[in-house]
Amino acid sequence: MSATLIVIIAILVVLIGLITFNYYRMKNMKPVPDSDRIKVLGNKNFKPVISKGITLVDFWAPWCGPCKMVAPILNELAESDTRVTVGKVNVDQQQQLAQKFKVRNIPTLVMFRDGKEVRRYVGVKTKKFLEKEITAELA
């Protein structure tokens, strides 16, 4: 009985340690600079940018750990796929846009086709997943 209890306590201590480590690692993750091909969107340039073709817009905040994880994926996507425009909206600075598109959680990725929302993704998504979704939307 006591050996089983010790094993369970050891496993709990390890799990708590891993959770704490990952929390601080994500919280202290350095921001990745945006690619030159990513457009920073605001109230003035939002409509013109999304009005033509496929546009993937990332609603994010600088303090958001998962948003920092999405940044390099969007950089790679913007550099590798010229069929899509990638834009970013800082929800702390552009609260009106976040409210207009009912963004409740971040990161939220919204795909527009010729100015109309066609798909929405909440949370961290892989590059492969996003490429598949873009290809499906272009088909």
Protein backbone atom coordinates (compact mmCIF):
# COMPACT_ATOMS: atom_id res chain seq x y z
CA MET A 1 0.00 0.00 0.00
CA SER A 2 2.68 2.51 0.93
CA ALA A 3 4.78 1.70 -2.19
CA THR A 4 1.76 2.36 -4.41
CA LEU A 5 1.10 5.64 -2.63
CA ILE A 6 4.72 6.72 -3.09
CA VAL A 7 4.57 5.92 -6.83
CA ILE A 8 1.32 7.90 -7.23
CA ILE A 9 2.78 10.88 -5.37
CA ALA A 10 5.96 10.72 -7.48
CA ILE A 11 3.91 10.69 -10.69
CA LEU A 12 1.85 13.67 -9.50
CA VAL A 13 5.00 15.63 -8.60
CA VAL A 14 6.48 14.93 -12.05
CA LEU A 15 3.25 15.98 -13.81
CA ILE A 16 2.99 19.19 -11.80
CA GLY A 17 6.63 19.91 -12.58
CA LEU A 18 6.09 19.40 -16.33
CA ILE A 19 2.99 21.58 -16.34
CA THR A 20 4.83 24.35 -14.48
CA PHE A 21 7.85 24.10 -16.78
CA ASN A 22 5.73 24.31 -19.94
CA TYR A 23 3.68 27.20 -18.52
CA TYR A 24 6.78 29.30 -17.87
CA ARG A 25 8.36 28.27 -21.15
CA MET A 26 5.29 29.38 -23.10
CA LYS A 27 4.81 32.53 -21.01
CA ASN A 28 8.41 33.63 -21.53
CA MET A 29 8.61 32.66 -25.20
CA LYS A 30 10.19 35.43 -27.23
CA PRO A 31 8.01 36.92 -29.96
CA VAL A 32 8.91 35.99 -33.51
CA PRO A 33 9.23 38.95 -35.91
CA ASP A 34 6.55 38.98 -38.59
CA SER A 35 7.40 38.12 -42.17
CA ASP A 36 7.45 41.03 -44.61
CA ARG A 37 4.56 39.34 -46.41
CA ILE A 38 2.25 39.52 -43.37
CA LYS A 39 0.03 42.58 -43.33
CA VAL A 40 -0.71 44.29 -40.02
CA LEU A 41 -4.41 45.08 -40.16
CA GLY A 42 -6.41 47.83 -38.52
CA ASN A 43 -9.71 49.63 -39.04
CA LYS A 44 -8.36 51.63 -42.00
CA ASN A 45 -6.85 48.84 -44.10
CA PHE A 46 -8.92 45.79 -43.08
CA LYS A 47 -11.63 45.91 -45.76
CA PRO A 48 -9.30 46.64 -48.71
CA VAL A 49 -6.97 43.77 -47.76
CA ILE A 50 -9.69 41.12 -47.33
CA SER A 51 -11.76 42.23 -50.33
CA LYS A 52 -9.80 40.28 -52.99
CA GLY A 53 -8.99 36.58 -53.02
CA ILE A 54 -8.27 34.40 -50.00
CA THR A 55 -7.10 36.14 -46.83
CA LEU A 56 -6.21 34.41 -43.58
CA VAL A 57 -6.47 36.81 -40.64
CA ASP A 58 -4.92 36.02 -37.25
CA PHE A 59 -6.57 37.71 -34.26
CA TRP A 60 -3.85 37.70 -31.60
CA ALA A 61 -2.37 39.52 -28.60
CA PRO A 62 1.28 40.01 -27.57
CA TRP A 63 0.74 38.44 -24.12
CA CYS A 64 -0.87 35.26 -25.52
CA GLY A 65 1.41 32.20 -25.38
CA PRO A 66 -0.45 30.15 -28.03
CA CYS A 67 -0.43 33.22 -30.30
CA LYS A 68 3.37 33.21 -30.09
CA MET A 69 3.31 29.57 -31.18
CA VAL A 70 1.17 30.38 -34.24
CA ALA A 71 3.43 33.26 -35.41
CA PRO A 72 6.20 31.12 -36.99
CA ILE A 73 3.58 28.93 -38.70
CA LEU A 74 1.96 32.00 -40.27
CA ASN A 75 5.38 33.35 -41.28
CA GLU A 76 6.16 30.11 -43.13
CA LEU A 77 2.72 30.07 -44.72
CA ALA A 78 3.01 33.69 -45.90
CA GLU A 79 6.43 33.03 -47.41
CA SER A 80 5.58 29.73 -49.09
CA ASP A 81 2.01 30.22 -50.37
CA THR A 82 1.39 33.18 -52.68
CA ARG A 83 -2.23 32.16 -53.27
CA VAL A 84 -3.24 33.54 -49.89
CA THR A 85 -2.76 36.87 -48.11
CA VAL A 86 -1.92 36.60 -44.42
CA GLY A 87 -2.90 39.40 -42.04
CA LYS A 88 -2.72 39.95 -38.29
CA VAL A 89 -5.02 41.92 -36.00
CA ASN A 90 -3.76 42.80 -32.52
CA VAL A 91 -6.96 42.52 -30.46
CA ASP A 92 -5.56 44.80 -27.73
CA GLN A 93 -5.12 47.63 -30.23
CA GLN A 94 -8.07 46.83 -32.52
CA GLN A 95 -10.87 45.95 -30.11
CA GLN A 96 -13.56 47.14 -32.53
CA LEU A 97 -12.49 44.63 -35.16
CA ALA A 98 -12.37 41.83 -32.59
CA GLN A 99 -15.89 42.70 -31.46
CA LYS A 100 -17.17 43.03 -35.01
CA PHE A 101 -16.00 39.50 -35.86
CA LYS A 102 -17.06 38.10 -32.47
CA VAL A 103 -13.57 36.98 -31.49
CA ARG A 104 -13.95 35.51 -28.01
CA ASN A 105 -10.75 33.41 -27.83
CA ILE A 106 -7.27 33.91 -29.20
CA PRO A 107 -5.61 32.90 -31.36
CA THR A 108 -8.52 32.92 -33.78
CA LEU A 109 -7.80 32.51 -37.48
CA VAL A 110 -10.52 33.69 -39.85
CA MET A 111 -10.39 32.90 -43.56
CA PHE A 112 -12.05 35.37 -45.92
CA ARG A 113 -12.86 34.90 -49.59
CA ASP A 114 -13.51 38.13 -51.46
CA GLY A 115 -14.41 39.93 -48.22
CA LYS A 116 -16.72 37.28 -46.75
CA GLU A 117 -15.88 34.94 -43.89
CA VAL A 118 -15.76 31.34 -45.07
CA ARG A 119 -13.92 29.50 -42.27
CA ARG A 120 -12.88 30.07 -38.66
CA TYR A 121 -10.32 28.24 -36.53
CA VAL A 122 -9.71 28.74 -32.82
CA GLY A 123 -6.43 27.71 -31.22
CA VAL A 124 -3.08 26.62 -32.56
CA LYS A 125 -3.23 24.91 -35.97
CA THR A 126 -0.40 23.27 -37.89
CA LYS A 127 0.95 24.55 -41.19
CA LYS A 128 -0.14 21.32 -42.87
CA PHE A 129 -3.72 21.76 -41.60
CA LEU A 130 -3.87 25.38 -42.79
CA GLU A 131 -2.42 24.49 -46.21
CA LYS A 132 -5.05 21.76 -46.57
CA GLU A 133 -7.84 24.20 -45.65
CA ILE A 134 -6.55 26.83 -48.10
CA THR A 135 -6.35 24.25 -50.89
CA ALA A 136 -9.90 23.11 -50.12
CA GLU A 137 -11.16 26.69 -50.24
CA LEU A 138 -9.42 27.35 -53.55
CA ALA A 139 -10.90 24.21 -55.15
